[in-house]
Every structure is written in structure tokens, then in C-alpha cells.
């Protein structure tokens, strides 16, 4: 394929790997793939190593600590790139870095902008019980998620989705939108439209300590909370017998069958002949109840299936600490 564009790629998150491999497989040349250094990559939720993709397609790989470090900006200048895709990258590129790309830098934000600008849009959408998600390709500027829109994709968020499955939809839309865009850029076009104004506040970032479960919430809120920050994110947690457990999977029980139960109290085991799908412990919430299906003990042991149903927890109460 004739490729007049000098293309760069910056990212470390799984949401970008499908798109990167797809454009390389389609014959587009990438002058450089830039990702995080190993010690930083290990600390990031949803991190993905681009080494295998770059090796297979012979794409040059560079590892940096921060996009705005002088060495990183110097690297971008030497590459003399036309366009840089910044996909799955948490560091905000400063003016010096952005000015190194002739056409500009392009980012993706996992919502239908301007809705859910800011940090962790997928997690927040699930935590809030939203039923529609999406992804937006934008030209990056010096404001948070306010660049001109290139393309957008909307998709449903179902009650069966987790943050992991929604990010799979985000990854697919990254691939599809970028493959639609590249021929236009190569033809000399620069598609964009202004982003609609909104007075909605920018979403705050989420941190691992934000995973504490509030059992006084309704069962649907607790269920959404658990699925909204499960793997590959740090996870939801609570204390039982003074020990902190992570709760990775849960199921929602209908109605309000235990209106007099103490919030967080274990009502008893949930058993099934299909142990991998429906064994656990029923826990009361502010209204209704959930079934805890998979927990991680303080020593890192995963407990689920019959072993979880058999735990002698009835009458015990999950707490904030």
C-alpha cells in the first residue's frame, strides 16, 4: 500500500492493541510505537505489551517514562511524524509534544462526547447504571477531552457487561474508526467538527482505594459497582471477620426479599448443580440482595464455586473496614 503518511502510535492499554494490529495488517506503515517503560507498565490497570505486535510487523518500539519528558519530545521531533494516534494513554501531552505532529495528535475517549468527559468513563458509566456507552475519536488539544470530533460510535451497555467487556467494544470501535479515517488522511482530508458544549462536570479519576463497597446501597447499585471495577481494574473490596476480600463477580437477585436484614449480612449459601456459574453467598444490601460469586482472600487465594458456597459465613456481616 502506498502510504504517504508518517504515522506514530502512543499507548499502553488493551483498548488500543486491536486497532494497532489491524492497521499494521492492512499495510499502513507505523514509523514508531511508543509505550511505557516496563516498571510503569506493571503498575497500570489494563496494561498491554506491544512487543509481540511490533516484532511480528517489524514496527520500531520505544519505551518512555513520560510523554512530556525532554527525551520523549526530542524523539517525536526526530521522527518528524504527520499524525500521532494516542490510544489508551493516561498522560496528557503538553504543547511541545503535540506540536511535533504536522497534522496533529488524535486520541480516543471511551464515551460519546461531550458526555462523560474526564477519567474512567467506562467505569463511571457502569457504576451509574447507564445503558449506552460509546467511543469518540478526537483531535487532541490543550483541554480535557474537548478536541474537535473526528468520528463517534455508540453501543449498548447491558446488565451482563463488565468494564472488561465494554472495553472490548471500545477496542473494536477504535479499530473501525481508525481504519475509516486513515484513507481520508492519506487523501489530504482532515475531518473534524466542533464538539457540542456541555456544562456537565469532568469525571474524576478513580483510584484503587475507591473500591470500598457500601452495602447500604441498593442491590443494583452494589452489583453495578462490582462489575464496573472488576478485572482488569483493581476491584471492589470489603471486610469480613476483620480481613479484606476482593469481590470479583456477583449476581443480582430480583426484588427486595430481605427487607429486615442488616446491610452487608450474609444470608446464607447459594448452591447450584452448575458450580462454575451459580454457587456463592447471598448478601443483603440496603434494598434487595446480591450473590457473591467470586472472592479473593487476603493471601491471594481465589474462592468460588462449591468452596464459596460451603464457607461458614451465614450471619456474618461485611463491613467497610
Protein backbone atom coordinates (compact mmCIF):
# COMPACT_ATOMS: atom_id res chain seq x y z
CA UNK A 1 0.00 0.00 0.00
CA UNK A 2 1.24 3.47 -0.89
CA UNK A 3 1.45 5.26 2.44
CA UNK A 4 2.31 8.98 2.19
CA UNK A 5 1.68 9.49 5.89
CA UNK A 6 4.30 9.29 8.59
CA UNK A 7 2.27 7.72 11.40
CA UNK A 8 3.17 7.37 15.07
CA UNK A 9 1.38 5.43 17.82
CA UNK A 10 1.37 6.09 21.57
CA UNK A 11 -0.36 3.75 24.00
CA UNK A 12 -0.17 1.04 26.64
CA UNK A 13 -3.79 -0.04 27.31
CA UNK A 14 -5.58 -3.06 25.83
CA UNK A 15 -8.11 -0.74 24.20
CA UNK A 16 -5.52 0.13 21.55
CA UNK A 17 -3.99 -3.24 20.67
CA UNK A 18 -6.75 -4.36 18.27
CA UNK A 19 -6.54 -1.13 16.28
CA UNK A 20 -2.73 -1.10 16.13
CA UNK A 21 -2.57 -4.65 14.83
CA UNK A 22 -5.38 -4.02 12.33
CA UNK A 23 -3.74 -1.01 10.71
CA UNK A 24 -0.38 -2.78 10.50
CA UNK A 25 -2.07 -5.84 8.99
CA UNK A 26 -3.79 -3.57 6.46
CA UNK A 27 -0.39 -2.41 5.23
CA UNK A 28 -0.12 1.00 6.86
CA UNK A 29 3.42 1.77 7.98
CA UNK A 30 3.98 2.90 11.55
CA UNK A 31 7.20 4.88 11.98
CA UNK A 32 7.26 4.34 15.73
CA UNK A 33 5.23 2.76 18.52
CA UNK A 34 5.77 4.50 21.84
CA UNK A 35 4.76 2.84 25.10
CA UNK A 36 5.54 2.97 28.82
CA UNK A 37 8.74 1.68 30.35
CA UNK A 38 8.42 -1.74 31.98
CA UNK A 39 8.35 -0.59 35.61
CA UNK A 40 5.49 1.82 34.90
CA UNK A 41 3.60 -0.59 32.67
CA UNK A 42 3.42 -3.07 35.54
CA UNK A 43 1.54 -0.55 37.71
CA UNK A 44 -1.23 0.24 35.21
CA UNK A 45 -4.65 -1.38 35.07
CA UNK A 46 -5.46 -2.90 31.70
CA UNK A 47 -1.87 -2.59 30.51
CA UNK A 48 -0.81 -4.43 27.34
CA UNK A 49 2.66 -5.08 25.99
CA UNK A 50 3.07 -4.10 22.34
CA UNK A 51 6.31 -6.04 21.96
CA UNK A 52 4.81 -9.05 20.19
CA UNK A 53 2.82 -6.95 17.69
CA UNK A 54 5.84 -4.76 16.92
CA UNK A 55 8.07 -7.81 16.49
CA UNK A 56 5.67 -9.50 14.06
CA UNK A 57 5.16 -6.40 11.93
CA UNK A 58 8.70 -5.03 12.34
CA UNK A 59 7.43 -1.76 13.82
CA UNK A 60 10.03 0.20 15.83
CA UNK A 61 9.16 0.20 19.56
CA UNK A 62 10.24 2.90 22.01
CA UNK A 63 9.70 2.87 25.79
CA UNK A 64 9.40 6.11 27.71
CA UNK A 65 8.59 7.28 31.24
CA UNK A 66 6.50 10.33 30.33
CA UNK A 67 5.33 11.83 27.07
CA UNK A 68 6.44 15.33 28.10
CA UNK A 69 9.98 14.40 29.18
CA UNK A 70 12.60 16.24 27.08
CA UNK A 71 13.86 12.91 25.71
CA UNK A 72 10.35 11.94 24.60
CA UNK A 73 9.70 15.29 22.91
CA UNK A 74 13.09 15.07 21.21
CA UNK A 75 12.23 11.57 19.95
CA UNK A 76 8.95 12.85 18.48
CA UNK A 77 10.74 15.73 16.78
CA UNK A 78 13.32 13.41 15.21
CA UNK A 79 10.58 11.12 13.92
CA UNK A 80 9.00 14.04 12.01
CA UNK A 81 5.53 12.50 12.10
CA UNK A 82 2.45 13.71 10.26
CA UNK A 83 -0.07 12.24 12.66
CA UNK A 84 0.20 10.50 16.02
CA UNK A 85 -2.53 8.25 17.44
CA UNK A 86 -2.67 8.46 21.24
CA UNK A 87 -4.87 5.49 22.12
CA UNK A 88 -5.07 4.07 25.65
CA UNK A 89 -2.67 6.55 27.23
CA UNK A 90 -3.25 8.31 30.56
CA UNK A 91 -0.62 11.07 30.36
CA UNK A 92 -1.76 14.40 28.88
CA UNK A 93 0.52 15.51 26.06
CA UNK A 94 1.79 19.05 26.52
CA UNK A 95 2.07 21.73 23.81
CA UNK A 96 5.65 20.81 22.89
CA UNK A 97 4.76 17.17 22.31
CA UNK A 98 1.59 17.95 20.37
CA UNK A 99 3.37 20.42 18.08
CA UNK A 100 5.69 17.68 16.81
CA UNK A 101 2.95 16.17 14.61
CA UNK A 102 2.26 18.10 11.39
CA UNK A 103 -1.45 17.27 11.17
CA UNK A 104 -1.90 16.80 14.89
CA UNK A 105 -2.39 14.13 17.51
CA UNK A 106 -5.54 12.00 17.59
CA UNK A 107 -6.96 10.48 20.73
CA UNK A 108 -9.91 8.29 21.66
CA UNK A 109 -12.21 8.80 24.63
CA UNK A 110 -14.45 5.93 25.69
CA UNK A 111 -17.77 7.77 25.65
CA UNK A 112 -19.97 9.64 23.20
CA UNK A 113 -18.51 13.07 23.87
CA UNK A 114 -19.26 15.51 25.33
CA UNK A 115 -20.98 13.05 27.69
CA UNK A 116 -18.66 11.60 30.36
CA UNK A 117 -15.61 13.74 29.74
CA UNK A 118 -12.76 13.02 32.15
CA UNK A 119 -11.37 9.99 33.95
CA UNK A 120 -12.55 6.36 33.85
CA UNK A 121 -15.62 6.92 31.60
CA UNK A 122 -16.33 3.20 31.16
CA UNK A 123 -16.19 2.52 34.89
CA UNK A 124 -18.36 5.52 35.73
CA UNK A 125 -20.93 4.62 33.06
CA UNK A 126 -21.41 1.15 34.59
CA UNK A 127 -21.36 2.43 38.18
CA UNK A 128 -24.13 4.87 37.28
CA UNK A 129 -26.21 2.17 35.61
CA UNK A 130 -26.03 3.77 32.16
CA UNK A 131 -27.34 1.63 29.32
CA UNK A 132 -25.45 3.24 26.45
CA UNK A 133 -21.73 3.69 26.02
CA UNK A 134 -19.53 4.63 23.14
CA UNK A 135 -16.25 5.93 21.86
CA UNK A 136 -15.11 9.18 20.24
CA UNK A 137 -12.08 9.88 18.05
CA UNK A 138 -10.90 13.47 18.54
CA UNK A 139 -8.11 15.84 17.60
CA UNK A 140 -6.23 16.46 20.84
CA UNK A 141 -5.89 19.99 22.18
CA UNK A 142 -4.85 21.56 25.47
CA UNK A 143 -8.24 20.94 27.16
CA UNK A 144 -9.51 17.71 28.72
CA UNK A 145 -11.46 15.71 26.13
CA UNK A 146 -12.67 18.87 24.35
CA UNK A 147 -10.98 18.44 20.97
CA UNK A 148 -12.84 18.51 17.65
CA UNK A 149 -14.69 15.29 16.88
CA UNK A 150 -13.48 13.06 14.04
CA UNK A 151 -15.80 10.09 14.45
CA UNK A 152 -18.10 8.52 17.05
CA UNK A 153 -19.52 5.09 17.80
CA UNK A 154 -22.34 4.24 20.23
CA UNK A 155 -23.11 0.81 21.64
CA UNK A 156 -25.34 -0.68 24.37
CA UNK A 157 -24.17 -1.46 27.89
CA UNK A 158 -26.19 -4.44 29.05
CA UNK A 159 -26.71 -5.75 32.61
CA UNK A 160 -24.36 -8.59 31.66
CA UNK A 161 -21.45 -6.32 30.75
CA UNK A 162 -18.44 -5.60 32.94
CA UNK A 163 -15.77 -2.96 32.49
CA UNK A 164 -13.75 -5.63 30.68
CA UNK A 165 -16.43 -6.49 28.13
CA UNK A 166 -17.24 -2.81 27.50
CA UNK A 167 -13.56 -2.13 26.81
CA UNK A 168 -13.69 -4.91 24.21
CA UNK A 169 -16.39 -2.88 22.45
CA UNK A 170 -14.23 0.23 22.80
CA UNK A 171 -11.27 -1.62 21.26
CA UNK A 172 -13.35 -2.76 18.29
CA UNK A 173 -14.63 0.75 17.69
CA UNK A 174 -11.07 2.14 17.86
CA UNK A 175 -10.11 -0.28 15.12
CA UNK A 176 -13.11 0.50 12.93
CA UNK A 177 -12.93 4.30 13.27
CA UNK A 178 -9.18 4.47 12.64
CA UNK A 179 -9.40 2.21 9.58
CA UNK A 180 -12.13 4.54 8.24
CA UNK A 181 -10.02 7.60 8.95
CA UNK A 182 -6.62 6.65 7.53
CA UNK A 183 -7.60 6.73 3.82
CA UNK A 184 -9.11 10.19 4.35
CA UNK A 185 -5.92 11.48 5.96
CA UNK A 186 -3.83 9.95 3.18
CA UNK A 187 -6.04 11.75 0.64
CA UNK A 188 -5.28 15.10 2.27
CA UNK A 189 -8.51 15.44 4.26
CA UNK A 190 -8.68 16.45 7.91
CA UNK A 191 -12.19 15.53 9.04
CA UNK A 192 -13.47 17.30 12.15
CA UNK A 193 -16.49 19.01 13.64
CA UNK A 194 -16.82 21.12 16.79
CA UNK A 195 -17.71 19.31 19.97
CA UNK A 196 -21.09 20.32 21.43
CA UNK A 197 -20.93 22.44 24.56
CA UNK A 198 -21.85 20.92 27.90
CA UNK A 199 -21.94 22.20 31.46
CA UNK A 200 -21.52 18.67 32.82
CA UNK A 201 -18.59 18.39 35.24
CA UNK A 202 -15.50 16.46 34.19
CA UNK A 203 -15.46 12.95 35.66
CA UNK A 204 -12.93 12.50 38.47
CA UNK A 205 -10.24 9.86 38.23
CA UNK A 206 -10.78 6.63 40.12
CA UNK A 207 -8.11 5.14 42.36
CA UNK A 208 -7.76 1.67 43.94
CA UNK A 209 -8.96 2.97 47.33
CA UNK A 210 -12.26 3.95 45.69
CA UNK A 211 -13.20 0.27 45.52
CA UNK A 212 -14.71 0.08 49.02
CA UNK A 213 -18.24 -1.41 48.85
CA UNK A 214 -21.08 0.47 50.53
CA UNK A 215 -23.57 -2.26 51.45
CA UNK A 216 -26.22 0.32 52.40
CA UNK A 217 -26.71 0.99 48.69
CA UNK A 218 -29.39 -0.87 46.76
CA UNK A 219 -28.60 -4.28 45.33
CA UNK A 220 -28.47 -2.92 41.76
CA UNK A 221 -26.01 -0.21 42.85
CA UNK A 222 -23.77 -2.75 44.60
CA UNK A 223 -23.99 -5.11 41.59
CA UNK A 224 -23.08 -2.27 39.20
CA UNK A 225 -20.23 -1.23 41.47
CA UNK A 226 -18.68 -4.71 41.47
CA UNK A 227 -18.97 -5.25 37.70
CA UNK A 228 -17.86 -1.70 36.98
CA UNK A 229 -14.43 -2.05 38.57
CA UNK A 230 -13.72 -5.77 38.25
CA UNK A 231 -10.76 -7.12 36.25
CA UNK A 232 -8.67 -5.66 34.68
CA UNK A 233 -9.21 -2.90 37.24
CA UNK A 234 -8.25 -3.03 40.94
CA UNK A 235 -11.62 -4.39 42.04
CA UNK A 236 -14.28 -3.91 44.72
CA UNK A 237 -13.48 -4.90 48.29
CA UNK A 238 -14.97 -5.28 51.76
CA UNK A 239 -14.06 -6.73 55.15
CA UNK A 240 -15.27 -9.96 56.75
CA UNK A 241 -14.01 -11.08 60.16
CA UNK A 242 -11.54 -8.19 60.04
CA UNK A 243 -9.97 -9.40 56.76
CA UNK A 244 -10.19 -7.57 53.44
CA UNK A 245 -11.54 -9.57 50.50
CA UNK A 246 -11.84 -8.52 46.87
CA UNK A 247 -15.18 -9.41 45.28
CA UNK A 248 -14.64 -10.04 41.56
CA UNK A 249 -18.00 -11.42 40.45
CA UNK A 250 -21.58 -11.20 41.68
CA UNK A 251 -25.15 -11.81 40.55
CA UNK A 252 -28.24 -9.69 41.14
CA UNK A 253 -31.26 -11.15 42.91
CA UNK A 254 -34.66 -9.73 41.93
CA UNK A 255 -36.92 -7.74 44.21
CA UNK A 256 -36.45 -7.00 47.90
CA UNK A 257 -36.73 -10.40 49.59
CA UNK A 258 -34.93 -9.46 52.83
CA UNK A 259 -36.23 -6.04 53.94
CA UNK A 260 -35.28 -6.55 57.61
CA UNK A 261 -31.76 -7.86 57.09
CA UNK A 262 -28.74 -5.87 58.22
CA UNK A 263 -26.87 -4.27 55.30
CA UNK A 264 -23.92 -6.49 54.39
CA UNK A 265 -25.14 -9.50 56.34
CA UNK A 266 -24.57 -12.94 54.82
CA UNK A 267 -27.98 -14.58 54.50
CA UNK A 268 -26.73 -17.99 53.50
CA UNK A 269 -25.20 -20.08 50.73
CA UNK A 270 -26.43 -20.06 47.13
CA UNK A 271 -25.99 -23.53 45.63
CA UNK A 272 -26.38 -24.99 42.16
CA UNK A 273 -25.64 -28.17 40.26
CA UNK A 274 -23.60 -25.95 37.93
CA UNK A 275 -20.85 -24.91 40.34
CA UNK A 276 -18.87 -22.69 37.97
CA UNK A 277 -21.86 -20.46 37.23
CA UNK A 278 -24.11 -20.28 40.28
CA UNK A 279 -22.56 -21.04 43.63
CA UNK A 280 -21.85 -18.39 46.21
CA UNK A 281 -23.14 -16.48 49.22
CA UNK A 282 -26.24 -14.27 49.40
CA UNK A 283 -25.55 -10.84 50.94
CA UNK A 284 -28.16 -8.27 51.93
CA UNK A 285 -27.89 -4.72 50.64
CA UNK A 286 -29.75 -1.54 51.59
CA UNK A 287 -32.59 -2.89 49.50
CA UNK A 288 -32.51 -6.34 47.93
CA UNK A 289 -29.56 -8.70 47.86
CA UNK A 290 -26.76 -9.95 45.63
CA UNK A 291 -24.98 -13.27 45.31
CA UNK A 292 -21.23 -13.04 45.79
CA UNK A 293 -19.78 -15.47 43.22
CA UNK A 294 -16.01 -14.99 43.41
CA UNK A 295 -13.79 -13.55 46.11
CA UNK A 296 -10.07 -13.21 46.63
CA UNK A 297 -8.82 -13.79 50.15
CA UNK A 298 -6.09 -11.64 51.75
CA UNK A 299 -3.42 -14.20 50.79
CA UNK A 300 -4.45 -14.04 47.12
CA UNK A 301 -6.45 -17.29 47.04
CA UNK A 302 -9.45 -17.21 44.69
CA UNK A 303 -12.56 -18.75 46.27
CA UNK A 304 -15.61 -19.58 44.13
CA UNK A 305 -17.94 -22.46 43.24
CA UNK A 306 -18.76 -25.07 45.93
CA UNK A 307 -15.86 -23.89 48.10
CA UNK A 308 -17.50 -20.48 48.38
CA UNK A 309 -20.99 -21.91 48.99
CA UNK A 310 -19.56 -24.13 51.72
CA UNK A 311 -17.96 -21.24 53.61
CA UNK A 312 -19.45 -20.89 57.09
CA UNK A 313 -20.41 -17.23 56.70
CA UNK A 314 -24.15 -17.19 57.45
CA UNK A 315 -24.95 -14.43 59.94
CA UNK A 316 -21.61 -12.66 59.48
CA UNK A 317 -21.59 -9.07 58.24
CA UNK A 318 -19.44 -7.47 55.57
CA UNK A 319 -18.16 -4.10 56.72
CA UNK A 320 -16.31 -1.00 55.49
CA UNK A 321 -13.17 -1.96 57.42
